[in-house]
Amino acid sequence: MMNIRDKENDYHTPAHYKQFILKRMHLPLRLTFYIKIFRVIFLGWLAVKRKAYDDQYWIKQSLMIKEAIESNGGRLHITGLNNLRGIKGAVVFIGNHMSTLETFLLPHLIEPMVHHTYVVKRKLLTTPFFGAIMGSRHPIAVDRRNPKDDLKTVLEEGSAKLAQGTALVIFPQSTRSERFMPEQFNSLGVKLAKKASVPIVPIALKTDFWGNGKWSRDFGPVGKSKDIYVHFGQPLQVAKTGKEEHQQIVNFITAHLKQWGSG
């Protein structure tokens, strides 16, 4: 498993990553992938119940998700790690939200560098098993019904967490989407970074390997042919109104998705 503390600036799944034994039995990919995912979530839920789900367990669980992806044929391409290692103090991470995968995958990349949590939909905290896990990370919960109320919550609670040294990951979209739509990508994260006087680290994500389902958005189709890309950009300091930085983030995500054959 990759250790984020290694000196490499990029990580790419080895060509001959060991396959999950059930996958070698030629069972359907969706079945073998979710068998591993459900096991990881259940073990995490048990750890929460035992009050053993600490920051190190979060990293461990994220690495288990990484292993579940790669052992089922998924290929990861993680770049810009030098920008992640250069972080000094709390920052606001802002990225596009394509699937459930990034919420599971990012902790083992970010947490060893800076303690962090997420801004999430409040209803996520009531999801069986995973809701308890996310709740243990003390996220900022918003309802996504009233933008003014959400802005107030994020600015107040977010500023407090950042002042305490906790970084925040924000996906400024109304919902997960495999297609990036800039008009639905709000400036909430930029406003928070400006108020708290902390840098922004943009993240471009292509995670549609783990698709959004029709009946259950969390457990959709699994696309072996869809490589997973994560790129951390250079930190940005917000100046003036933040409109320029917001557009920089949109352009950053759009350019990488185009480069990766998506968007």
C-alpha atoms as a PDB file:
ATOM      1  CA  MET A   1       0.000   0.000   0.000  1.00  0.00           C
ATOM      2  CA  MET A   2       1.164   3.519  -0.795  1.00  0.00           C
ATOM      3  CA  ASN A   3       2.461   5.553   2.085  1.00  0.00           C
ATOM      4  CA  ILE A   4       1.743   9.258   1.601  1.00  0.00           C
ATOM      5  CA  ARG A   5       4.941  10.049   3.453  1.00  0.00           C
ATOM      6  CA  ASP A   6       7.025   8.559   0.642  1.00  0.00           C
ATOM      7  CA  LYS A   7       8.938  11.047  -1.510  1.00  0.00           C
ATOM      8  CA  GLU A   8       7.191  10.329  -4.803  1.00  0.00           C
ATOM      9  CA  ASN A   9       5.034  13.160  -6.148  1.00  0.00           C
ATOM     10  CA  ASP A  10       2.836  10.767  -8.126  1.00  0.00           C
ATOM     11  CA  TYR A  11       1.307   7.362  -7.496  1.00  0.00           C
ATOM     12  CA  HIS A  12      -0.002   4.974 -10.138  1.00  0.00           C
ATOM     13  CA  THR A  13      -1.444   1.533  -9.475  1.00  0.00           C
ATOM     14  CA  PRO A  14       1.164  -1.128 -10.363  1.00  0.00           C
ATOM     15  CA  ALA A  15       0.386  -3.021 -13.557  1.00  0.00           C
ATOM     16  CA  HIS A  16       0.187  -6.388 -11.776  1.00  0.00           C
ATOM     17  CA  TYR A  17      -1.649  -5.533  -8.566  1.00  0.00           C
ATOM     18  CA  LYS A  18      -2.768  -8.714  -6.752  1.00  0.00           C
ATOM     19  CA  GLN A  19      -6.413  -9.469  -7.479  1.00  0.00           C
ATOM     20  CA  PHE A  20      -9.084 -10.201  -4.877  1.00  0.00           C
ATOM     21  CA  ILE A  21      -9.540 -13.986  -4.700  1.00  0.00           C
ATOM     22  CA  LEU A  22     -13.273 -13.767  -5.466  1.00  0.00           C
ATOM     23  CA  LYS A  23     -12.523 -11.671  -8.519  1.00  0.00           C
ATOM     24  CA  ARG A  24     -10.152 -14.401  -9.707  1.00  0.00           C
ATOM     25  CA  MET A  25     -13.164 -16.718  -9.608  1.00  0.00           C
ATOM     26  CA  HIS A  26     -14.720 -14.551 -12.347  1.00  0.00           C
ATOM     27  CA  LEU A  27     -17.635 -13.396 -10.209  1.00  0.00           C
ATOM     28  CA  PRO A  28     -19.317 -10.135 -11.294  1.00  0.00           C
ATOM     29  CA  LEU A  29     -17.136  -7.097 -10.555  1.00  0.00           C
ATOM     30  CA  ARG A  30     -19.963  -5.223  -8.862  1.00  0.00           C
ATOM     31  CA  LEU A  31     -20.427  -8.129  -6.436  1.00  0.00           C
ATOM     32  CA  THR A  32     -16.755  -8.608  -5.545  1.00  0.00           C
ATOM     33  CA  PHE A  33     -16.167  -4.860  -5.160  1.00  0.00           C
ATOM     34  CA  TYR A  34     -19.094  -4.247  -2.837  1.00  0.00           C
ATOM     35  CA  ILE A  35     -18.320  -7.331  -0.755  1.00  0.00           C
ATOM     36  CA  LYS A  36     -15.046  -5.633   0.156  1.00  0.00           C
ATOM     37  CA  ILE A  37     -16.625  -2.187   0.566  1.00  0.00           C
ATOM     38  CA  PHE A  38     -19.390  -3.461   2.882  1.00  0.00           C
ATOM     39  CA  ARG A  39     -16.798  -5.269   4.986  1.00  0.00           C
ATOM     40  CA  VAL A  40     -14.715  -2.104   5.371  1.00  0.00           C
ATOM     41  CA  ILE A  41     -17.772  -0.038   6.325  1.00  0.00           C
ATOM     42  CA  PHE A  42     -18.972  -2.646   8.812  1.00  0.00           C
ATOM     43  CA  LEU A  43     -15.563  -2.870  10.476  1.00  0.00           C
ATOM     44  CA  GLY A  44     -15.475   0.916  10.694  1.00  0.00           C
ATOM     45  CA  TRP A  45     -18.935   0.969  12.273  1.00  0.00           C
ATOM     46  CA  LEU A  46     -17.808  -1.580  14.865  1.00  0.00           C
ATOM     47  CA  ALA A  47     -14.763   0.571  15.627  1.00  0.00           C
ATOM     48  CA  VAL A  48     -17.030   3.585  16.182  1.00  0.00           C
ATOM     49  CA  LYS A  49     -19.188   1.540  18.557  1.00  0.00           C
ATOM     50  CA  ARG A  50     -16.052   0.536  20.489  1.00  0.00           C
ATOM     51  CA  LYS A  51     -14.935   4.192  20.501  1.00  0.00           C
ATOM     52  CA  ALA A  52     -11.815   3.051  18.668  1.00  0.00           C
ATOM     53  CA  TYR A  53     -12.380   5.004  15.439  1.00  0.00           C
ATOM     54  CA  ASP A  54      -9.614   7.584  15.754  1.00  0.00           C
ATOM     55  CA  ASP A  55      -7.597   9.458  13.114  1.00  0.00           C
ATOM     56  CA  GLN A  56      -5.268   6.510  12.555  1.00  0.00           C
ATOM     57  CA  TYR A  57      -8.201   4.155  12.020  1.00  0.00           C
ATOM     58  CA  TRP A  58      -9.623   6.616   9.500  1.00  0.00           C
ATOM     59  CA  ILE A  59      -6.376   6.464   7.545  1.00  0.00           C
ATOM     60  CA  LYS A  60      -6.346   2.678   7.813  1.00  0.00           C
ATOM     61  CA  GLN A  61      -9.923   2.400   6.561  1.00  0.00           C
ATOM     62  CA  SER A  62      -9.177   4.690   3.636  1.00  0.00           C
ATOM     63  CA  LEU A  63      -6.217   2.487   2.709  1.00  0.00           C
ATOM     64  CA  MET A  64      -8.539  -0.537   2.885  1.00  0.00           C
ATOM     65  CA  ILE A  65     -10.829   1.187   0.368  1.00  0.00           C
ATOM     66  CA  LYS A  66      -7.819   1.856  -1.857  1.00  0.00           C
ATOM     67  CA  GLU A  67      -6.922  -1.842  -1.673  1.00  0.00           C
ATOM     68  CA  ALA A  68     -10.524  -2.828  -2.468  1.00  0.00           C
ATOM     69  CA  ILE A  69     -10.399  -0.674  -5.590  1.00  0.00           C
ATOM     70  CA  GLU A  70      -7.051  -1.929  -6.861  1.00  0.00           C
ATOM     71  CA  SER A  71      -7.631  -5.600  -6.037  1.00  0.00           C
ATOM     72  CA  ASN A  72     -10.816  -5.408  -8.118  1.00  0.00           C
ATOM     73  CA  GLY A  73      -9.052  -4.024 -11.159  1.00  0.00           C
ATOM     74  CA  GLY A  74      -9.355  -0.298 -10.509  1.00  0.00           C
ATOM     75  CA  ARG A  75      -6.393   1.853 -11.503  1.00  0.00           C
ATOM     76  CA  LEU A  76      -5.442   4.900  -9.450  1.00  0.00           C
ATOM     77  CA  HIS A  77      -3.484   7.913 -10.671  1.00  0.00           C
ATOM     78  CA  ILE A  78      -2.729  10.303  -7.809  1.00  0.00           C
ATOM     79  CA  THR A  79      -0.679  13.380  -8.680  1.00  0.00           C
ATOM     80  CA  GLY A  80       0.304  16.711  -7.154  1.00  0.00           C
ATOM     81  CA  LEU A  81       1.344  15.115  -3.874  1.00  0.00           C
ATOM     82  CA  ASN A  82       4.138  17.676  -3.592  1.00  0.00           C
ATOM     83  CA  ASN A  83       1.436  20.344  -3.240  1.00  0.00           C
ATOM     84  CA  LEU A  84      -0.213  18.320  -0.499  1.00  0.00           C
ATOM     85  CA  ARG A  85       3.037  17.846   1.398  1.00  0.00           C
ATOM     86  CA  GLY A  86       3.725  21.562   1.246  1.00  0.00           C
ATOM     87  CA  ILE A  87       0.697  22.420   3.388  1.00  0.00           C
ATOM     88  CA  LYS A  88       1.497  24.350   6.558  1.00  0.00           C
ATOM     89  CA  GLY A  89      -1.547  24.602   8.816  1.00  0.00           C
ATOM     90  CA  ALA A  90      -5.253  24.379   8.085  1.00  0.00           C
ATOM     91  CA  VAL A  91      -6.551  24.923   4.552  1.00  0.00           C
ATOM     92  CA  VAL A  92      -9.804  24.575   2.645  1.00  0.00           C
ATOM     93  CA  PHE A  93      -9.773  21.774   0.080  1.00  0.00           C
ATOM     94  CA  ILE A  94     -12.224  22.418  -2.761  1.00  0.00           C
ATOM     95  CA  GLY A  95     -13.018  19.760  -5.347  1.00  0.00           C
ATOM     96  CA  ASN A  96     -15.682  18.447  -7.683  1.00  0.00           C
ATOM     97  CA  HIS A  97     -17.916  15.687  -6.317  1.00  0.00           C
ATOM     98  CA  MET A  98     -18.270  12.845  -8.803  1.00  0.00           C
ATOM     99  CA  SER A  99     -19.044   9.807  -6.629  1.00  0.00           C
ATOM    100  CA  THR A 100     -18.976   8.261  -3.162  1.00  0.00           C
ATOM    101  CA  LEU A 101     -15.420   7.122  -3.795  1.00  0.00           C
ATOM    102  CA  GLU A 102     -13.615  10.381  -3.038  1.00  0.00           C
ATOM    103  CA  THR A 103     -15.081  10.612   0.477  1.00  0.00           C
ATOM    104  CA  PHE A 104     -13.526   7.223   1.257  1.00  0.00           C
ATOM    105  CA  LEU A 105     -10.274   7.684  -0.664  1.00  0.00           C
ATOM    106  CA  LEU A 106      -9.085  11.151   0.365  1.00  0.00           C
ATOM    107  CA  PRO A 107      -8.500  10.567   4.110  1.00  0.00           C
ATOM    108  CA  HIS A 108      -5.373   8.416   3.674  1.00  0.00           C
ATOM    109  CA  LEU A 109      -3.923  11.141   1.452  1.00  0.00           C
ATOM    110  CA  ILE A 110      -4.862  14.193   3.515  1.00  0.00           C
ATOM    111  CA  GLU A 111      -4.986  13.101   7.158  1.00  0.00           C
ATOM    112  CA  PRO A 112      -1.254  12.222   7.480  1.00  0.00           C
ATOM    113  CA  MET A 113      -0.503  15.785   6.330  1.00  0.00           C
ATOM    114  CA  VAL A 114      -3.173  17.805   8.155  1.00  0.00           C
ATOM    115  CA  HIS A 115      -6.124  16.876  10.373  1.00  0.00           C
ATOM    116  CA  HIS A 116      -9.312  17.428   8.412  1.00  0.00           C
ATOM    117  CA  THR A 117     -13.030  16.848   8.172  1.00  0.00           C
ATOM    118  CA  TYR A 118     -15.806  17.409   5.624  1.00  0.00           C
ATOM    119  CA  VAL A 119     -18.754  19.643   4.921  1.00  0.00           C
ATOM    120  CA  VAL A 120     -21.562  17.137   4.301  1.00  0.00           C
ATOM    121  CA  LYS A 121     -25.300  16.880   3.779  1.00  0.00           C
ATOM    122  CA  ARG A 122     -26.984  16.402   7.141  1.00  0.00           C
ATOM    123  CA  LYS A 123     -28.916  13.369   5.909  1.00  0.00           C
ATOM    124  CA  LEU A 124     -25.609  11.569   5.278  1.00  0.00           C
ATOM    125  CA  LEU A 125     -25.196  11.325   9.044  1.00  0.00           C
ATOM    126  CA  THR A 126     -28.355   9.195   9.258  1.00  0.00           C
ATOM    127  CA  THR A 127     -27.153   6.660   6.666  1.00  0.00           C
ATOM    128  CA  PRO A 128     -26.921   3.173   8.219  1.00  0.00           C
ATOM    129  CA  PHE A 129     -23.379   2.281   9.323  1.00  0.00           C
ATOM    130  CA  PHE A 130     -21.545   4.962   7.310  1.00  0.00           C
ATOM    131  CA  GLY A 131     -23.450   7.761   9.035  1.00  0.00           C
ATOM    132  CA  ALA A 132     -21.919   6.781  12.371  1.00  0.00           C
ATOM    133  CA  ILE A 133     -18.448   6.725  10.822  1.00  0.00           C
ATOM    134  CA  MET A 134     -18.817  10.171   9.295  1.00  0.00           C
ATOM    135  CA  GLY A 135     -20.365  11.506  12.498  1.00  0.00           C
ATOM    136  CA  SER A 136     -17.270  10.420  14.427  1.00  0.00           C
ATOM    137  CA  ARG A 137     -15.233  12.780  12.237  1.00  0.00           C
ATOM    138  CA  HIS A 138     -17.217  15.791  13.512  1.00  0.00           C
ATOM    139  CA  PRO A 139     -18.115  17.200  10.096  1.00  0.00           C
ATOM    140  CA  ILE A 140     -20.027  20.391   9.369  1.00  0.00           C
ATOM    141  CA  ALA A 141     -23.555  19.353   8.401  1.00  0.00           C
ATOM    142  CA  VAL A 142     -25.737  21.433   6.073  1.00  0.00           C
ATOM    143  CA  ASP A 143     -29.279  20.842   4.834  1.00  0.00           C
ATOM    144  CA  ARG A 144     -28.770  22.056   1.253  1.00  0.00           C
ATOM    145  CA  ARG A 145     -32.266  23.548   1.304  1.00  0.00           C
ATOM    146  CA  ASN A 146     -31.531  27.180   2.170  1.00  0.00           C
ATOM    147  CA  PRO A 147     -28.256  28.533   0.716  1.00  0.00           C
ATOM    148  CA  LYS A 148     -28.197  31.468   3.167  1.00  0.00           C
ATOM    149  CA  ASP A 149     -28.502  29.161   6.176  1.00  0.00           C
ATOM    150  CA  ASP A 150     -25.836  26.843   4.766  1.00  0.00           C
ATOM    151  CA  LEU A 151     -23.490  29.782   4.175  1.00  0.00           C
ATOM    152  CA  LYS A 152     -23.956  30.999   7.748  1.00  0.00           C
ATOM    153  CA  THR A 153     -23.340  27.493   9.160  1.00  0.00           C
ATOM    154  CA  VAL A 154     -20.218  26.878   7.092  1.00  0.00           C
ATOM    155  CA  LEU A 155     -18.729  30.320   7.737  1.00  0.00           C
ATOM    156  CA  GLU A 156     -19.288  30.140  11.492  1.00  0.00           C
ATOM    157  CA  GLU A 157     -18.449  26.491  12.177  1.00  0.00           C
ATOM    158  CA  GLY A 158     -15.813  26.339   9.452  1.00  0.00           C
ATOM    159  CA  SER A 159     -13.933  29.370  10.724  1.00  0.00           C
ATOM    160  CA  ALA A 160     -13.866  27.857  14.220  1.00  0.00           C
ATOM    161  CA  LYS A 161     -12.509  24.528  12.989  1.00  0.00           C
ATOM    162  CA  LEU A 162      -9.888  26.167  10.795  1.00  0.00           C
ATOM    163  CA  ALA A 163      -8.771  28.338  13.714  1.00  0.00           C
ATOM    164  CA  GLN A 164      -8.288  25.127  15.719  1.00  0.00           C
ATOM    165  CA  GLY A 165      -6.089  23.670  12.949  1.00  0.00           C
ATOM    166  CA  THR A 166      -8.647  21.399  11.292  1.00  0.00           C
ATOM    167  CA  ALA A 167      -8.683  21.556   7.484  1.00  0.00           C
ATOM    168  CA  LEU A 168     -11.993  21.266   5.634  1.00  0.00           C
ATOM    169  CA  VAL A 169     -12.922  19.406   2.457  1.00  0.00           C
ATOM    170  CA  ILE A 170     -15.795  21.018   0.567  1.00  0.00           C
ATOM    171  CA  PHE A 171     -17.556  19.776  -2.560  1.00  0.00           C
ATOM    172  CA  PRO A 172     -19.505  22.901  -3.631  1.00  0.00           C
ATOM    173  CA  GLN A 173     -22.143  21.115  -5.698  1.00  0.00           C
ATOM    174  CA  SER A 174     -25.781  20.413  -4.966  1.00  0.00           C
ATOM    175  CA  THR A 175     -25.255  16.698  -5.545  1.00  0.00           C
ATOM    176  CA  ARG A 176     -22.759  14.157  -6.891  1.00  0.00           C
ATOM    177  CA  SER A 177     -22.488  14.185 -10.652  1.00  0.00           C
ATOM    178  CA  GLU A 178     -20.329  12.404 -13.206  1.00  0.00           C
ATOM    179  CA  ARG A 179     -20.549  15.539 -15.344  1.00  0.00           C
ATOM    180  CA  PHE A 180     -18.943  18.706 -14.027  1.00  0.00           C
ATOM    181  CA  MET A 181     -21.278  21.686 -14.375  1.00  0.00           C
ATOM    182  CA  PRO A 182     -19.572  24.959 -13.379  1.00  0.00           C
ATOM    183  CA  GLU A 183     -22.911  26.748 -13.004  1.00  0.00           C
ATOM    184  CA  GLN A 184     -23.746  24.399 -10.112  1.00  0.00           C
ATOM    185  CA  PHE A 185     -20.340  24.810  -8.468  1.00  0.00           C
ATOM    186  CA  ASN A 186     -20.840  27.490  -5.841  1.00  0.00           C
ATOM    187  CA  SER A 187     -18.274  29.714  -4.129  1.00  0.00           C
ATOM    188  CA  LEU A 188     -18.977  28.551  -0.559  1.00  0.00           C
ATOM    189  CA  GLY A 189     -15.459  27.216  -0.027  1.00  0.00           C
ATOM    190  CA  VAL A 190     -13.844  30.365  -1.378  1.00  0.00           C
ATOM    191  CA  LYS A 191     -15.972  32.532   0.936  1.00  0.00           C
ATOM    192  CA  LEU A 192     -14.912  30.412   3.907  1.00  0.00           C
ATOM    193  CA  ALA A 193     -11.207  30.560   3.005  1.00  0.00           C
ATOM    194  CA  LYS A 194     -11.452  34.344   2.629  1.00  0.00           C
ATOM    195  CA  LYS A 195     -13.197  34.788   5.984  1.00  0.00           C
ATOM    196  CA  ALA A 196     -10.725  32.536   7.804  1.00  0.00           C
ATOM    197  CA  SER A 197      -7.684  33.903   5.921  1.00  0.00           C
ATOM    198  CA  VAL A 198      -6.440  30.432   4.978  1.00  0.00           C
ATOM    199  CA  PRO A 199      -5.274  29.056   1.616  1.00  0.00           C
ATOM    200  CA  ILE A 200      -7.338  26.934  -0.749  1.00  0.00           C
ATOM    201  CA  VAL A 201      -6.012  23.685  -2.177  1.00  0.00           C
ATOM    202  CA  PRO A 202      -8.037  22.721  -5.292  1.00  0.00           C
ATOM    203  CA  ILE A 203      -8.608  19.039  -6.047  1.00  0.00           C
ATOM    204  CA  ALA A 204      -9.614  17.682  -9.449  1.00  0.00           C
ATOM    205  CA  LEU A 205     -11.310  14.287  -9.209  1.00  0.00           C
ATOM    206  CA  LYS A 206     -12.404  11.650 -11.685  1.00  0.00           C
ATOM    207  CA  THR A 207     -13.949   8.871  -9.612  1.00  0.00           C
ATOM    208  CA  ASP A 208     -16.722   7.458 -11.795  1.00  0.00           C
ATOM    209  CA  PHE A 209     -15.182   3.998 -11.370  1.00  0.00           C
ATOM    210  CA  TRP A 210     -17.646   3.905  -8.463  1.00  0.00           C
ATOM    211  CA  GLY A 211     -20.826   5.007 -10.221  1.00  0.00           C
ATOM    212  CA  ASN A 212     -23.940   6.636  -8.796  1.00  0.00           C
ATOM    213  CA  GLY A 213     -26.798   4.164  -8.648  1.00  0.00           C
ATOM    214  CA  LYS A 214     -30.336   4.640  -9.950  1.00  0.00           C
ATOM    215  CA  TRP A 215     -32.086   3.275  -6.854  1.00  0.00           C
ATOM    216  CA  SER A 216     -29.288   3.800  -4.335  1.00  0.00           C
ATOM    217  CA  ARG A 217     -26.879   6.534  -5.344  1.00  0.00           C
ATOM    218  CA  ASP A 218     -24.217   5.228  -2.973  1.00  0.00           C
ATOM    219  CA  PHE A 219     -23.940   1.818  -4.616  1.00  0.00           C
ATOM    220  CA  GLY A 220     -24.084   2.170  -8.360  1.00  0.00           C
ATOM    221  CA  PRO A 221     -22.306   0.373 -11.208  1.00  0.00           C
ATOM    222  CA  VAL A 222     -18.564  -0.296 -11.053  1.00  0.00           C
ATOM    223  CA  GLY A 223     -16.590   0.559 -14.165  1.00  0.00           C
ATOM    224  CA  LYS A 224     -13.306  -1.323 -14.401  1.00  0.00           C
ATOM    225  CA  SER A 225     -12.414   0.531 -17.593  1.00  0.00           C
ATOM    226  CA  LYS A 226     -12.700   3.916 -15.856  1.00  0.00           C
ATOM    227  CA  ASP A 227      -9.375   4.912 -14.327  1.00  0.00           C
ATOM    228  CA  ILE A 228      -9.473   6.987 -11.128  1.00  0.00           C
ATOM    229  CA  TYR A 229      -7.652  10.320 -11.083  1.00  0.00           C
ATOM    230  CA  VAL A 230      -6.873  12.641  -8.169  1.00  0.00           C
ATOM    231  CA  HIS A 231      -4.788  15.778  -8.632  1.00  0.00           C
ATOM    232  CA  PHE A 232      -3.933  18.250  -5.869  1.00  0.00           C
ATOM    233  CA  GLY A 233      -3.306  21.764  -7.147  1.00  0.00           C
ATOM    234  CA  GLN A 234      -1.065  24.497  -5.816  1.00  0.00           C
ATOM    235  CA  PRO A 235      -2.432  26.426  -2.806  1.00  0.00           C
ATOM    236  CA  LEU A 236      -4.277  29.655  -3.609  1.00  0.00           C
ATOM    237  CA  GLN A 237      -4.586  32.648  -1.305  1.00  0.00           C
ATOM    238  CA  VAL A 238      -7.862  34.503  -1.692  1.00  0.00           C
ATOM    239  CA  ALA A 239      -7.544  38.176  -2.657  1.00  0.00           C
ATOM    240  CA  LYS A 240     -10.230  40.835  -3.022  1.00  0.00           C
ATOM    241  CA  THR A 241     -13.681  39.252  -3.550  1.00  0.00           C
ATOM    242  CA  GLY A 242     -12.507  35.725  -4.336  1.00  0.00           C
ATOM    243  CA  LYS A 243     -14.197  35.667  -7.762  1.00  0.00           C
ATOM    244  CA  GLU A 244     -10.880  35.256  -9.551  1.00  0.00           C
ATOM    245  CA  GLU A 245      -9.861  32.321  -7.331  1.00  0.00           C
ATOM    246  CA  HIS A 246     -13.251  30.676  -7.787  1.00  0.00           C
ATOM    247  CA  GLN A 247     -12.827  30.848 -11.553  1.00  0.00           C
ATOM    248  CA  GLN A 248      -9.284  29.491 -11.235  1.00  0.00           C
ATOM    249  CA  ILE A 249     -10.639  26.448  -9.400  1.00  0.00           C
ATOM    250  CA  VAL A 250     -13.358  25.903 -12.020  1.00  0.00           C
ATOM    251  CA  ASN A 251     -10.773  26.164 -14.814  1.00  0.00           C
ATOM    252  CA  PHE A 252      -8.408  23.835 -12.931  1.00  0.00           C
ATOM    253  CA  ILE A 253     -11.066  21.118 -12.575  1.00  0.00           C
ATOM    254  CA  THR A 254     -12.383  21.558 -16.116  1.00  0.00           C
ATOM    255  CA  ALA A 255      -8.899  21.303 -17.658  1.00  0.00           C
ATOM    256  CA  HIS A 256      -8.004  18.126 -15.761  1.00  0.00           C
ATOM    257  CA  LEU A 257     -11.308  16.417 -16.527  1.00  0.00           C
ATOM    258  CA  LYS A 258     -10.798  17.216 -20.209  1.00  0.00           C
ATOM    259  CA  GLN A 259      -7.258  15.832 -20.011  1.00  0.00           C
ATOM    260  CA  TRP A 260      -8.635  12.641 -18.432  1.00  0.00           C
ATOM    261  CA  GLY A 261     -11.336  12.245 -21.068  1.00  0.00           C
ATOM    262  CA  SER A 262     -14.233  13.320 -18.892  1.00  0.00           C
ATOM    263  CA  GLY A 263     -16.339  16.376 -18.123  1.00  0.00           C
END
